[in-house]
């Protein structure tokens, strides 16, 4: 057993038989009363996000989570297939566990896969990925970087808002947190 003082971002807690990942936490000392720990936690199975407050020094159960770097190989009807780069063991993760992260997965990409007792919980992507623009409307003469945005479809099928000067075939850097355009990739 651990206490609320051991909570960190990314920690997985076992609360009432369900696994919850800590997205954010803050120790708070109100003017009156005892210290509390405010958290924003996400159910790792269904994705529900809730705010929960714990009294300080409360005993909590932390789940044993195995995090391993794995290489994304391909997807098929049964799910997304990843390979452990150490022992070449393959793991198929269902599409509902991957969720919207599929929009950033490229074959050969290394991601961190979290499992609990052999059950895949979630994947951690890098902060940004480099994707090729497969289609966007052509820019017009006079388009500038401050002139606005237009939609562009990238190689994974995701639509990203990009500046007007981006053209089809260019590689761009995209944030995996919010799907925002971060810049061109210089070749």
Protein backbone atom coordinates (compact mmCIF):
# COMPACT_ATOMS: atom_id res chain seq x y z
CA UNK A 1 0.00 0.00 0.00
CA UNK A 2 1.10 3.51 -0.78
CA UNK A 3 -0.19 6.89 0.33
CA UNK A 4 -1.47 9.90 -1.60
CA UNK A 5 1.98 11.46 -1.11
CA UNK A 6 3.32 8.87 -3.61
CA UNK A 7 1.01 10.03 -6.44
CA UNK A 8 2.76 11.24 -9.59
CA UNK A 9 1.58 11.96 -13.14
CA UNK A 10 1.21 8.68 -15.01
CA UNK A 11 0.75 6.58 -11.85
CA UNK A 12 -1.95 3.92 -12.18
CA UNK A 13 -4.18 3.47 -9.12
CA UNK A 14 -6.48 0.57 -8.28
CA UNK A 15 -9.63 2.24 -6.91
CA UNK A 16 -12.67 0.07 -6.16
CA UNK A 17 -11.42 -2.68 -8.46
CA UNK A 18 -10.88 -0.36 -11.45
CA UNK A 19 -7.62 1.00 -12.85
CA UNK A 20 -7.25 4.80 -13.04
CA UNK A 21 -4.28 6.71 -14.49
CA UNK A 22 -3.31 10.00 -12.83
CA UNK A 23 -3.29 12.77 -15.45
CA UNK A 24 -2.73 15.64 -13.02
CA UNK A 25 -2.34 16.09 -9.28
CA UNK A 26 -1.86 18.91 -6.80
CA UNK A 27 -1.25 19.00 -3.06
CA UNK A 28 -3.52 21.70 -1.63
CA UNK A 29 -3.49 23.25 1.83
CA UNK A 30 -6.68 25.26 2.32
CA UNK A 31 -6.78 28.12 4.82
CA UNK A 32 -8.81 25.97 7.17
CA UNK A 33 -8.71 22.22 7.45
CA UNK A 34 -6.32 19.51 6.47
CA UNK A 35 -4.17 19.14 3.38
CA UNK A 36 -5.79 17.35 0.44
CA UNK A 37 -4.54 15.94 -2.86
CA UNK A 38 -6.59 16.99 -5.87
CA UNK A 39 -6.34 14.72 -8.90
CA UNK A 40 -7.67 14.36 -12.41
CA UNK A 41 -7.78 10.65 -13.16
CA UNK A 42 -8.71 8.64 -16.26
CA UNK A 43 -10.22 5.17 -16.29
CA UNK A 44 -7.77 3.17 -18.40
CA UNK A 45 -10.45 0.80 -19.72
CA UNK A 46 -13.23 3.18 -20.79
CA UNK A 47 -11.39 6.53 -20.96
CA UNK A 48 -13.71 8.37 -18.54
CA UNK A 49 -11.96 11.33 -16.88
CA UNK A 50 -13.01 12.48 -13.39
CA UNK A 51 -11.75 14.84 -10.71
CA UNK A 52 -11.15 13.22 -7.33
CA UNK A 53 -9.88 14.65 -4.07
CA UNK A 54 -8.13 12.55 -1.43
CA UNK A 55 -7.28 13.54 2.16
CA UNK A 56 -3.49 13.72 2.64
CA UNK A 57 -1.75 10.50 3.77
CA UNK A 58 -4.70 8.32 2.71
CA UNK A 59 -3.72 4.73 1.90
CA UNK A 60 -4.23 3.89 -1.78
CA UNK A 61 -3.44 0.83 -3.85
CA UNK A 62 -1.13 1.34 -6.79
CA UNK A 63 -1.47 -1.06 -9.72
CA UNK A 64 1.57 -2.90 -11.03
CA UNK A 65 2.10 -1.53 -14.53
CA UNK A 66 4.75 -2.90 -16.86
CA UNK A 67 5.95 -0.27 -19.36
CA UNK A 68 7.98 -1.50 -22.33
CA UNK A 69 9.23 0.14 -25.49
CA UNK A 70 7.65 -1.62 -28.45
CA UNK A 71 7.73 -1.13 -32.20
CA UNK A 72 4.46 -0.68 -34.10
CA UNK A 73 4.29 -3.21 -36.94
CA UNK A 74 0.84 -3.10 -38.57
CA UNK A 75 -2.90 -3.18 -37.91
CA UNK A 76 -5.39 -5.86 -38.86
CA UNK A 77 -9.04 -6.60 -37.97
CA UNK A 78 -8.02 -8.03 -34.57
CA UNK A 79 -6.16 -4.87 -33.53
CA UNK A 80 -2.77 -3.17 -33.68
CA UNK A 81 0.32 -5.37 -33.58
CA UNK A 82 3.41 -4.27 -31.62
CA UNK A 83 6.75 -6.06 -31.18
CA UNK A 84 8.97 -6.00 -28.12
CA UNK A 85 12.36 -4.86 -29.42
CA UNK A 86 14.22 -6.94 -26.78
CA UNK A 87 12.74 -10.42 -27.24
CA UNK A 88 10.77 -9.98 -30.52
CA UNK A 89 7.54 -11.06 -28.81
CA UNK A 90 4.44 -9.66 -30.52
CA UNK A 91 1.41 -8.18 -28.76
CA UNK A 92 -1.93 -7.34 -30.39
CA UNK A 93 -3.69 -4.37 -28.81
CA UNK A 94 -7.44 -3.90 -29.48
CA UNK A 95 -8.48 -0.79 -31.41
CA UNK A 96 -10.54 0.57 -28.50
CA UNK A 97 -7.40 0.66 -26.30
CA UNK A 98 -5.48 2.60 -28.99
CA UNK A 99 -8.37 5.04 -29.57
CA UNK A 100 -7.44 8.30 -31.32
CA UNK A 101 -3.72 7.55 -30.98
CA UNK A 102 -4.10 5.58 -34.24
CA UNK A 103 -3.94 8.93 -36.06
CA UNK A 104 -0.27 9.25 -35.12
CA UNK A 105 0.98 5.65 -35.56
CA UNK A 106 3.42 4.95 -38.37
CA UNK A 107 4.91 1.55 -39.14
CA UNK A 108 8.25 1.12 -37.36
CA UNK A 109 7.50 3.78 -34.72
CA UNK A 110 8.70 3.05 -31.18
CA UNK A 111 6.09 3.70 -28.46
CA UNK A 112 5.77 2.78 -24.79
CA UNK A 113 3.12 0.14 -24.12
CA UNK A 114 1.71 -0.15 -20.59
CA UNK A 115 0.29 -3.50 -19.46
CA UNK A 116 -1.21 -4.80 -16.22
CA UNK A 117 -1.03 -8.57 -15.73
CA UNK A 118 -0.64 -9.02 -19.50
CA UNK A 119 -3.63 -6.81 -20.38
CA UNK A 120 -2.72 -3.75 -22.51
CA UNK A 121 -3.84 -0.53 -20.80
CA UNK A 122 -2.63 2.29 -23.03
CA UNK A 123 0.25 3.48 -25.21
CA UNK A 124 2.45 6.53 -24.70
CA UNK A 125 3.34 8.31 -27.94
CA UNK A 126 6.26 10.69 -28.41
CA UNK A 127 5.36 14.38 -27.89
CA UNK A 128 5.32 14.96 -31.66
CA UNK A 129 5.44 12.96 -34.88
CA UNK A 130 6.54 13.78 -38.41
CA UNK A 131 3.81 13.11 -40.98
CA UNK A 132 3.63 13.65 -44.72
CA UNK A 133 0.81 15.77 -46.14
CA UNK A 134 -1.06 13.59 -48.66
CA UNK A 135 -3.59 16.23 -49.71
CA UNK A 136 -4.25 19.90 -49.19
CA UNK A 137 -5.66 22.65 -51.35
CA UNK A 138 -2.94 24.55 -53.20
CA UNK A 139 -1.81 27.82 -51.73
CA UNK A 140 -2.27 31.11 -53.55
CA UNK A 141 0.27 33.77 -54.40
CA UNK A 142 0.70 36.04 -51.40
CA UNK A 143 -0.11 33.42 -48.76
CA UNK A 144 1.90 34.13 -45.64
CA UNK A 145 2.54 32.32 -42.41
CA UNK A 146 0.18 34.68 -40.56
CA UNK A 147 -2.55 34.58 -43.18
CA UNK A 148 -4.70 31.80 -41.70
CA UNK A 149 -5.06 28.06 -41.84
CA UNK A 150 -6.44 25.37 -44.14
CA UNK A 151 -7.15 21.66 -43.64
CA UNK A 152 -4.56 19.11 -44.73
CA UNK A 153 -4.84 15.33 -44.75
CA UNK A 154 -1.73 13.49 -43.54
CA UNK A 155 -0.55 9.95 -44.32
CA UNK A 156 -2.43 8.39 -41.39
CA UNK A 157 -5.75 9.89 -42.57
CA UNK A 158 -5.95 12.57 -39.88
CA UNK A 159 -6.92 16.11 -40.87
CA UNK A 160 -4.67 18.84 -39.43
CA UNK A 161 -5.05 22.63 -39.68
CA UNK A 162 -1.89 23.97 -41.35
CA UNK A 163 -0.72 27.39 -42.59
CA UNK A 164 -1.69 28.37 -46.13
CA UNK A 165 1.84 27.90 -47.53
CA UNK A 166 1.99 24.13 -46.81
CA UNK A 167 1.71 21.98 -49.95
CA UNK A 168 0.98 18.33 -50.70
CA UNK A 169 4.06 16.12 -50.24
CA UNK A 170 5.67 18.18 -47.46
CA UNK A 171 6.51 16.67 -44.10
CA UNK A 172 5.13 18.47 -41.05
CA UNK A 173 5.56 18.03 -37.31
CA UNK A 174 2.28 17.38 -35.45
CA UNK A 175 1.66 17.42 -31.68
CA UNK A 176 0.30 14.11 -30.35
CA UNK A 177 -1.37 15.92 -27.43
CA UNK A 178 -3.79 18.13 -29.36
CA UNK A 179 -3.16 17.30 -33.03
CA UNK A 180 -1.87 20.80 -33.72
CA UNK A 181 0.62 21.82 -36.40
CA UNK A 182 4.08 22.49 -34.93
CA UNK A 183 6.11 23.29 -38.04
CA UNK A 184 7.71 22.06 -41.23
CA UNK A 185 10.29 19.31 -41.16
CA UNK A 186 13.51 20.50 -42.73
CA UNK A 187 15.03 17.81 -44.93
